[in-house]
Amino acid sequence: GDSLMAYEMNDTFDGELNFITILTMISIFMVVA
């Protein structure tokens, strides 16, 4: 359900967001470099 998805995302939000952010930055960095 939507609320369950939000609950699970809330539990893993910080870790997943940081992982996606760093992965995106590294990928873009390598292309521009």
PDB file of all heavy atoms in Angstrom:
ATOM      1  N   GLY A   1       0.819  -1.200   0.000  1.00  0.00           N
ATOM      2  CA  GLY A   1       0.000   0.000   0.000  1.00  0.00           C
ATOM      3  C   GLY A   1       0.855   1.252   0.000  1.00  0.00           C
ATOM      4  O   GLY A   1       2.067   1.206   0.267  1.00  0.00           O
ATOM      5  N   ASP A   2       0.238   2.372  -0.291  1.00  0.00           N
ATOM      6  CA  ASP A   2       0.972   3.643  -0.350  1.00  0.00           C
ATOM      7  C   ASP A   2       1.592   3.994   0.998  1.00  0.00           C
ATOM      8  O   ASP A   2       2.748   4.414   1.073  1.00  0.00           O
ATOM      9  CB  ASP A   2       0.025   4.769  -0.797  1.00  0.00           C
ATOM     10  CG  ASP A   2      -0.396   4.601  -2.253  1.00  0.00           C
ATOM     11  OD1 ASP A   2       0.287   3.848  -2.969  1.00  0.00           O
ATOM     12  OD2 ASP A   2      -1.401   5.220  -2.642  1.00  0.00           O
ATOM     13  N   SER A   3       0.805   3.849   2.063  1.00  0.00           N
ATOM     14  CA  SER A   3       1.318   4.194   3.393  1.00  0.00           C
ATOM     15  C   SER A   3       2.460   3.274   3.788  1.00  0.00           C
ATOM     16  O   SER A   3       3.443   3.714   4.407  1.00  0.00           O
ATOM     17  CB  SER A   3       0.193   4.115   4.429  1.00  0.00           C
ATOM     18  OG  SER A   3      -0.795   5.076   4.171  1.00  0.00           O
ATOM     19  N   LEU A   4       2.363   1.982   3.427  1.00  0.00           N
ATOM     20  CA  LEU A   4       3.434   1.029   3.744  1.00  0.00           C
ATOM     21  C   LEU A   4       4.702   1.383   2.986  1.00  0.00           C
ATOM     22  O   LEU A   4       5.816   1.296   3.529  1.00  0.00           O
ATOM     23  CB  LEU A   4       2.986  -0.384   3.397  1.00  0.00           C
ATOM     24  CG  LEU A   4       2.373  -1.223   4.512  1.00  0.00           C
ATOM     25  CD1 LEU A   4       3.355  -1.428   5.655  1.00  0.00           C
ATOM     26  CD2 LEU A   4       1.088  -0.624   5.027  1.00  0.00           C
ATOM     27  N   MET A   5       4.537   1.795   1.719  1.00  0.00           N
ATOM     28  CA  MET A   5       5.693   2.192   0.924  1.00  0.00           C
ATOM     29  C   MET A   5       6.358   3.425   1.540  1.00  0.00           C
ATOM     30  O   MET A   5       7.593   3.491   1.653  1.00  0.00           O
ATOM     31  CB  MET A   5       5.259   2.473  -0.513  1.00  0.00           C
ATOM     32  CG  MET A   5       6.408   2.825  -1.449  1.00  0.00           C
ATOM     33  SD  MET A   5       5.889   2.966  -3.181  1.00  0.00           S
ATOM     34  CE  MET A   5       4.811   4.398  -3.081  1.00  0.00           C
ATOM     35  N   ALA A   6       5.516   4.373   1.967  1.00  0.00           N
ATOM     36  CA  ALA A   6       6.062   5.586   2.601  1.00  0.00           C
ATOM     37  C   ALA A   6       6.760   5.238   3.911  1.00  0.00           C
ATOM     38  O   ALA A   6       7.805   5.813   4.242  1.00  0.00           O
ATOM     39  CB  ALA A   6       4.929   6.576   2.851  1.00  0.00           C
ATOM     40  N   TYR A   7       6.186   4.289   4.665  1.00  0.00           N
ATOM     41  CA  TYR A   7       6.777   3.866   5.946  1.00  0.00           C
ATOM     42  C   TYR A   7       8.159   3.259   5.721  1.00  0.00           C
ATOM     43  O   TYR A   7       9.122   3.580   6.427  1.00  0.00           O
ATOM     44  CB  TYR A   7       5.847   2.859   6.609  1.00  0.00           C
ATOM     45  CG  TYR A   7       6.406   2.178   7.821  1.00  0.00           C
ATOM     46  CD1 TYR A   7       6.441   2.831   9.063  1.00  0.00           C
ATOM     47  CD2 TYR A   7       6.911   0.883   7.744  1.00  0.00           C
ATOM     48  CE1 TYR A   7       6.958   2.201  10.177  1.00  0.00           C
ATOM     49  CE2 TYR A   7       7.427   0.245   8.860  1.00  0.00           C
ATOM     50  CZ  TYR A   7       7.450   0.900  10.075  1.00  0.00           C
ATOM     51  OH  TYR A   7       7.959   0.269  11.185  1.00  0.00           O
ATOM     52  N   GLU A   8       8.256   2.380   4.722  1.00  0.00           N
ATOM     53  CA  GLU A   8       9.547   1.746   4.445  1.00  0.00           C
ATOM     54  C   GLU A   8      10.559   2.762   3.919  1.00  0.00           C
ATOM     55  O   GLU A   8      11.741   2.705   4.263  1.00  0.00           O
ATOM     56  CB  GLU A   8       9.347   0.609   3.444  1.00  0.00           C
ATOM     57  CG  GLU A   8       8.547  -0.559   4.022  1.00  0.00           C
ATOM     58  CD  GLU A   8       8.308  -1.649   3.005  1.00  0.00           C
ATOM     59  OE1 GLU A   8       8.733  -1.472   1.835  1.00  0.00           O
ATOM     60  OE2 GLU A   8       7.710  -2.674   3.370  1.00  0.00           O
ATOM     61  N   MET A   9      10.071   3.684   3.091  1.00  0.00           N
ATOM     62  CA  MET A   9      10.967   4.725   2.584  1.00  0.00           C
ATOM     63  C   MET A   9      11.445   5.625   3.712  1.00  0.00           C
ATOM     64  O   MET A   9      12.608   6.063   3.740  1.00  0.00           O
ATOM     65  CB  MET A   9      10.256   5.556   1.520  1.00  0.00           C
ATOM     66  CG  MET A   9      10.059   4.824   0.206  1.00  0.00           C
ATOM     67  SD  MET A   9       9.213   5.872  -1.006  1.00  0.00           S
ATOM     68  CE  MET A   9       9.247   4.791  -2.446  1.00  0.00           C
ATOM     69  N   ASN A  10      10.551   5.908   4.657  1.00  0.00           N
ATOM     70  CA  ASN A  10      10.923   6.755   5.788  1.00  0.00           C
ATOM     71  C   ASN A  10      12.025   6.108   6.622  1.00  0.00           C
ATOM     72  O   ASN A  10      12.920   6.782   7.134  1.00  0.00           O
ATOM     73  CB  ASN A  10       9.689   7.003   6.660  1.00  0.00           C
ATOM     74  CG  ASN A  10       9.962   7.953   7.811  1.00  0.00           C
ATOM     75  OD1 ASN A  10      10.238   9.128   7.608  1.00  0.00           O
ATOM     76  ND2 ASN A  10       9.912   7.428   9.031  1.00  0.00           N
ATOM     77  N   ASP A  11      11.943   4.770   6.746  1.00  0.00           N
ATOM     78  CA  ASP A  11      12.955   4.052   7.520  1.00  0.00           C
ATOM     79  C   ASP A  11      14.312   4.050   6.820  1.00  0.00           C
ATOM     80  O   ASP A  11      15.361   4.055   7.463  1.00  0.00           O
ATOM     81  CB  ASP A  11      12.510   2.597   7.745  1.00  0.00           C
ATOM     82  CG  ASP A  11      11.646   2.472   8.984  1.00  0.00           C
ATOM     83  OD1 ASP A  11      11.432   3.495   9.667  1.00  0.00           O
ATOM     84  OD2 ASP A  11      11.182   1.344   9.278  1.00  0.00           O
ATOM     85  N   THR A  12      14.305   4.023   5.500  1.00  0.00           N
ATOM     86  CA  THR A  12      15.556   3.905   4.747  1.00  0.00           C
ATOM     87  C   THR A  12      15.899   5.183   3.980  1.00  0.00           C
ATOM     88  O   THR A  12      16.816   5.177   3.161  1.00  0.00           O
ATOM     89  CB  THR A  12      15.433   2.733   3.747  1.00  0.00           C
ATOM     90  OG1 THR A  12      14.330   2.981   2.859  1.00  0.00           O
ATOM     91  CG2 THR A  12      15.174   1.425   4.479  1.00  0.00           C
ATOM     92  N   PHE A  13      15.167   6.285   4.266  1.00  0.00           N
ATOM     93  CA  PHE A  13      15.278   7.508   3.466  1.00  0.00           C
ATOM     94  C   PHE A  13      16.707   8.064   3.451  1.00  0.00           C
ATOM     95  O   PHE A  13      17.284   8.276   2.380  1.00  0.00           O
ATOM     96  CB  PHE A  13      14.317   8.566   3.992  1.00  0.00           C
ATOM     97  CG  PHE A  13      14.395   9.876   3.263  1.00  0.00           C
ATOM     98  CD1 PHE A  13      13.728  10.060   2.063  1.00  0.00           C
ATOM     99  CD2 PHE A  13      15.153  10.928   3.764  1.00  0.00           C
ATOM    100  CE1 PHE A  13      13.803  11.265   1.383  1.00  0.00           C
ATOM    101  CE2 PHE A  13      15.242  12.128   3.092  1.00  0.00           C
ATOM    102  CZ  PHE A  13      14.563  12.292   1.895  1.00  0.00           C
ATOM    103  N   ASP A  14      17.271   8.277   4.621  1.00  0.00           N
ATOM    104  CA  ASP A  14      18.587   8.926   4.694  1.00  0.00           C
ATOM    105  C   ASP A  14      19.643   8.123   3.969  1.00  0.00           C
ATOM    106  O   ASP A  14      20.420   8.656   3.158  1.00  0.00           O
ATOM    107  CB  ASP A  14      18.999   9.121   6.158  1.00  0.00           C
ATOM    108  CG  ASP A  14      18.141  10.156   6.853  1.00  0.00           C
ATOM    109  OD1 ASP A  14      17.521  10.971   6.134  1.00  0.00           O
ATOM    110  OD2 ASP A  14      18.058  10.132   8.088  1.00  0.00           O
ATOM    111  N   GLY A  15      19.665   6.817   4.234  1.00  0.00           N
ATOM    112  CA  GLY A  15      20.695   5.986   3.620  1.00  0.00           C
ATOM    113  C   GLY A  15      20.545   5.899   2.117  1.00  0.00           C
ATOM    114  O   GLY A  15      21.532   6.036   1.370  1.00  0.00           O
ATOM    115  N   GLU A  16      19.333   5.698   1.658  1.00  0.00           N
ATOM    116  CA  GLU A  16      19.113   5.567   0.216  1.00  0.00           C
ATOM    117  C   GLU A  16      19.345   6.891  -0.503  1.00  0.00           C
ATOM    118  O   GLU A  16      19.901   6.915  -1.606  1.00  0.00           O
ATOM    119  CB  GLU A  16      17.694   5.050  -0.040  1.00  0.00           C
ATOM    120  CG  GLU A  16      17.494   3.599   0.374  1.00  0.00           C
ATOM    121  CD  GLU A  16      16.124   3.073  -0.005  1.00  0.00           C
ATOM    122  OE1 GLU A  16      15.332   3.839  -0.595  1.00  0.00           O
ATOM    123  OE2 GLU A  16      15.845   1.900   0.281  1.00  0.00           O
ATOM    124  N   LEU A  17      18.879   7.986   0.113  1.00  0.00           N
ATOM    125  CA  LEU A  17      19.071   9.290  -0.533  1.00  0.00           C
ATOM    126  C   LEU A  17      20.551   9.620  -0.653  1.00  0.00           C
ATOM    127  O   LEU A  17      21.016  10.082  -1.704  1.00  0.00           O
ATOM    128  CB  LEU A  17      18.349  10.384   0.257  1.00  0.00           C
ATOM    129  CG  LEU A  17      18.474  11.796  -0.310  1.00  0.00           C
ATOM    130  CD1 LEU A  17      17.855  11.869  -1.703  1.00  0.00           C
ATOM    131  CD2 LEU A  17      17.804  12.816   0.607  1.00  0.00           C
ATOM    132  N   ASN A  18      21.298   9.385   0.406  1.00  0.00           N
ATOM    133  CA  ASN A  18      22.738   9.655   0.363  1.00  0.00           C
ATOM    134  C   ASN A  18      23.425   8.771  -0.677  1.00  0.00           C
ATOM    135  O   ASN A  18      24.305   9.239  -1.417  1.00  0.00           O
ATOM    136  CB  ASN A  18      23.366   9.412   1.737  1.00  0.00           C
ATOM    137  CG  ASN A  18      22.923  10.460   2.756  1.00  0.00           C
ATOM    138  OD1 ASN A  18      22.544  11.574   2.381  1.00  0.00           O
ATOM    139  ND2 ASN A  18      22.960  10.108   4.020  1.00  0.00           N
ATOM    140  N   PHE A  19      23.001   7.508  -0.738  1.00  0.00           N
ATOM    141  CA  PHE A  19      23.614   6.585  -1.709  1.00  0.00           C
ATOM    142  C   PHE A  19      23.338   7.052  -3.132  1.00  0.00           C
ATOM    143  O   PHE A  19      24.251   7.089  -3.977  1.00  0.00           O
ATOM    144  CB  PHE A  19      23.052   5.175  -1.482  1.00  0.00           C
ATOM    145  CG  PHE A  19      23.527   4.182  -2.489  1.00  0.00           C
ATOM    146  CD1 PHE A  19      24.813   3.659  -2.430  1.00  0.00           C
ATOM    147  CD2 PHE A  19      22.700   3.774  -3.530  1.00  0.00           C
ATOM    148  CE1 PHE A  19      25.268   2.737  -3.378  1.00  0.00           C
ATOM    149  CE2 PHE A  19      23.135   2.861  -4.483  1.00  0.00           C
ATOM    150  CZ  PHE A  19      24.421   2.339  -4.404  1.00  0.00           C
ATOM    151  N   ILE A  20      22.075   7.409  -3.431  1.00  0.00           N
ATOM    152  CA  ILE A  20      21.713   7.864  -4.781  1.00  0.00           C
ATOM    153  C   ILE A  20      22.440   9.164  -5.114  1.00  0.00           C
ATOM    154  O   ILE A  20      22.932   9.366  -6.234  1.00  0.00           O
ATOM    155  CB  ILE A  20      20.193   8.057  -4.896  1.00  0.00           C
ATOM    156  CG1 ILE A  20      19.470   6.727  -4.737  1.00  0.00           C
ATOM    157  CG2 ILE A  20      19.820   8.699  -6.218  1.00  0.00           C
ATOM    158  CD1 ILE A  20      19.801   5.717  -5.814  1.00  0.00           C
ATOM    159  N   THR A  21      22.521  10.066  -4.142  1.00  0.00           N
ATOM    160  CA  THR A  21      23.176  11.366  -4.371  1.00  0.00           C
ATOM    161  C   THR A  21      24.643  11.176  -4.705  1.00  0.00           C
ATOM    162  O   THR A  21      25.162  11.749  -5.675  1.00  0.00           O
ATOM    163  CB  THR A  21      23.027  12.246  -3.114  1.00  0.00           C
ATOM    164  OG1 THR A  21      21.639  12.456  -2.851  1.00  0.00           O
ATOM    165  CG2 THR A  21      23.715  13.588  -3.330  1.00  0.00           C
ATOM    166  N   ILE A  22      25.321  10.378  -3.904  1.00  0.00           N
ATOM    167  CA  ILE A  22      26.763  10.150  -4.127  1.00  0.00           C
ATOM    168  C   ILE A  22      26.999   9.430  -5.443  1.00  0.00           C
ATOM    169  O   ILE A  22      27.901   9.775  -6.211  1.00  0.00           O
ATOM    170  CB  ILE A  22      27.353   9.342  -2.949  1.00  0.00           C
ATOM    171  CG1 ILE A  22      27.330  10.201  -1.675  1.00  0.00           C
ATOM    172  CG2 ILE A  22      28.779   8.893  -3.261  1.00  0.00           C
ATOM    173  CD1 ILE A  22      27.694   9.435  -0.414  1.00  0.00           C
ATOM    174  N   LEU A  23      26.147   8.433  -5.728  1.00  0.00           N
ATOM    175  CA  LEU A  23      26.303   7.683  -6.977  1.00  0.00           C
ATOM    176  C   LEU A  23      26.100   8.597  -8.184  1.00  0.00           C
ATOM    177  O   LEU A  23      26.860   8.526  -9.167  1.00  0.00           O
ATOM    178  CB  LEU A  23      25.287   6.540  -7.010  1.00  0.00           C
ATOM    179  CG  LEU A  23      25.372   5.589  -8.209  1.00  0.00           C
ATOM    180  CD1 LEU A  23      26.711   4.860  -8.227  1.00  0.00           C
ATOM    181  CD2 LEU A  23      24.229   4.583  -8.176  1.00  0.00           C
ATOM    182  N   THR A  24      25.092   9.480  -8.106  1.00  0.00           N
ATOM    183  CA  THR A  24      24.836  10.413  -9.204  1.00  0.00           C
ATOM    184  C   THR A  24      25.993  11.387  -9.382  1.00  0.00           C
ATOM    185  O   THR A  24      26.437  11.655 -10.510  1.00  0.00           O
ATOM    186  CB  THR A  24      23.539  11.202  -8.929  1.00  0.00           C
ATOM    187  OG1 THR A  24      22.459  10.287  -8.745  1.00  0.00           O
ATOM    188  CG2 THR A  24      23.207  12.132 -10.082  1.00  0.00           C
ATOM    189  N   MET A  25      26.482  11.905  -8.268  1.00  0.00           N
ATOM    190  CA  MET A  25      27.589  12.871  -8.327  1.00  0.00           C
ATOM    191  C   MET A  25      28.845  12.241  -8.928  1.00  0.00           C
ATOM    192  O   MET A  25      29.532  12.857  -9.756  1.00  0.00           O
ATOM    193  CB  MET A  25      27.888  13.406  -6.923  1.00  0.00           C
ATOM    194  CG  MET A  25      26.783  14.303  -6.359  1.00  0.00           C
ATOM    195  SD  MET A  25      27.070  14.789  -4.636  1.00  0.00           S
ATOM    196  CE  MET A  25      28.566  15.761  -4.799  1.00  0.00           C
ATOM    197  N   ILE A  26      29.131  11.006  -8.516  1.00  0.00           N
ATOM    198  CA  ILE A  26      30.325  10.330  -9.037  1.00  0.00           C
ATOM    199  C   ILE A  26      30.182  10.074 -10.531  1.00  0.00           C
ATOM    200  O   ILE A  26      31.136  10.286 -11.310  1.00  0.00           O
ATOM    201  CB  ILE A  26      30.565   9.010  -8.273  1.00  0.00           C
ATOM    202  CG1 ILE A  26      30.971   9.306  -6.827  1.00  0.00           C
ATOM    203  CG2 ILE A  26      31.625   8.163  -8.970  1.00  0.00           C
ATOM    204  CD1 ILE A  26      31.084   8.052  -5.954  1.00  0.00           C
ATOM    205  N   SER A  27      28.981   9.633 -10.953  1.00  0.00           N
ATOM    206  CA  SER A  27      28.760   9.344 -12.373  1.00  0.00           C
ATOM    207  C   SER A  27      28.931  10.598 -13.221  1.00  0.00           C
ATOM    208  O   SER A  27      29.614  10.591 -14.267  1.00  0.00           O
ATOM    209  CB  SER A  27      27.360   8.759 -12.575  1.00  0.00           C
ATOM    210  OG  SER A  27      27.196   7.566 -11.832  1.00  0.00           O
ATOM    211  N   ILE A  28      28.290  11.696 -12.803  1.00  0.00           N
ATOM    212  CA  ILE A  28      28.398  12.957 -13.541  1.00  0.00           C
ATOM    213  C   ILE A  28      29.832  13.472 -13.509  1.00  0.00           C
ATOM    214  O   ILE A  28      30.364  13.977 -14.520  1.00  0.00           O
ATOM    215  CB  ILE A  28      27.434  14.011 -12.947  1.00  0.00           C
ATOM    216  CG1 ILE A  28      25.977  13.523 -13.037  1.00  0.00           C
ATOM    217  CG2 ILE A  28      27.591  15.344 -13.666  1.00  0.00           C
ATOM    218  CD1 ILE A  28      25.479  13.301 -14.434  1.00  0.00           C
ATOM    219  N   PHE A  29      30.461  13.337 -12.349  1.00  0.00           N
ATOM    220  CA  PHE A  29      31.854  13.808 -12.189  1.00  0.00           C
ATOM    221  C   PHE A  29      32.773  13.120 -13.189  1.00  0.00           C
ATOM    222  O   PHE A  29      33.614  13.768 -13.839  1.00  0.00           O
ATOM    223  CB  PHE A  29      32.316  13.539 -10.762  1.00  0.00           C
ATOM    224  CG  PHE A  29      33.732  13.965 -10.485  1.00  0.00           C
ATOM    225  CD1 PHE A  29      34.007  15.250 -10.038  1.00  0.00           C
ATOM    226  CD2 PHE A  29      34.797  13.086 -10.676  1.00  0.00           C
ATOM    227  CE1 PHE A  29      35.308  15.648  -9.782  1.00  0.00           C
ATOM    228  CE2 PHE A  29      36.095  13.480 -10.442  1.00  0.00           C
ATOM    229  CZ  PHE A  29      36.363  14.758  -9.992  1.00  0.00           C
ATOM    230  N   MET A  30      32.598  11.812 -13.335  1.00  0.00           N
ATOM    231  CA  MET A  30      33.485  11.054 -14.241  1.00  0.00           C
ATOM    232  C   MET A  30      33.283  11.482 -15.694  1.00  0.00           C
ATOM    233  O   MET A  30      34.252  11.631 -16.447  1.00  0.00           O
ATOM    234  CB  MET A  30      33.211   9.547 -14.078  1.00  0.00           C
ATOM    235  CG  MET A  30      33.644   9.000 -12.729  1.00  0.00           C
ATOM    236  SD  MET A  30      33.239   7.253 -12.538  1.00  0.00           S
ATOM    237  CE  MET A  30      34.249   6.526 -13.810  1.00  0.00           C
ATOM    238  N   VAL A  31      32.029  11.704 -16.089  1.00  0.00           N
ATOM    239  CA  VAL A  31      31.746  12.121 -17.466  1.00  0.00           C
ATOM    240  C   VAL A  31      32.378  13.491 -17.750  1.00  0.00           C
ATOM    241  O   VAL A  31      33.035  13.702 -18.783  1.00  0.00           O
ATOM    242  CB  VAL A  31      30.233  12.155 -17.715  1.00  0.00           C
ATOM    243  CG1 VAL A  31      29.926  12.773 -19.085  1.00  0.00           C
ATOM    244  CG2 VAL A  31      29.644  10.752 -17.625  1.00  0.00           C
ATOM    245  N   VAL A  32      32.161  14.444 -16.822  1.00  0.00           N
ATOM    246  CA  VAL A  32      32.691  15.810 -17.018  1.00  0.00           C
ATOM    247  C   VAL A  32      34.216  15.805 -16.959  1.00  0.00           C
ATOM    248  O   VAL A  32      34.895  16.525 -17.718  1.00  0.00           O
ATOM    249  CB  VAL A  32      32.102  16.764 -15.966  1.00  0.00           C
ATOM    250  CG1 VAL A  32      32.699  18.170 -16.116  1.00  0.00           C
ATOM    251  CG2 VAL A  32      30.590  16.813 -16.086  1.00  0.00           C
ATOM    252  N   ALA A  33      34.775  14.984 -16.070  1.00  0.00           N
ATOM    253  CA  ALA A  33      36.239  14.906 -15.945  1.00  0.00           C
ATOM    254  C   ALA A  33      36.864  14.408 -17.238  1.00  0.00           C
ATOM    255  O   ALA A  33      37.910  14.904 -17.682  1.00  0.00           O
ATOM    256  CB  ALA A  33      36.604  13.996 -14.774  1.00  0.00           C
TER     257      ALA A  33
END
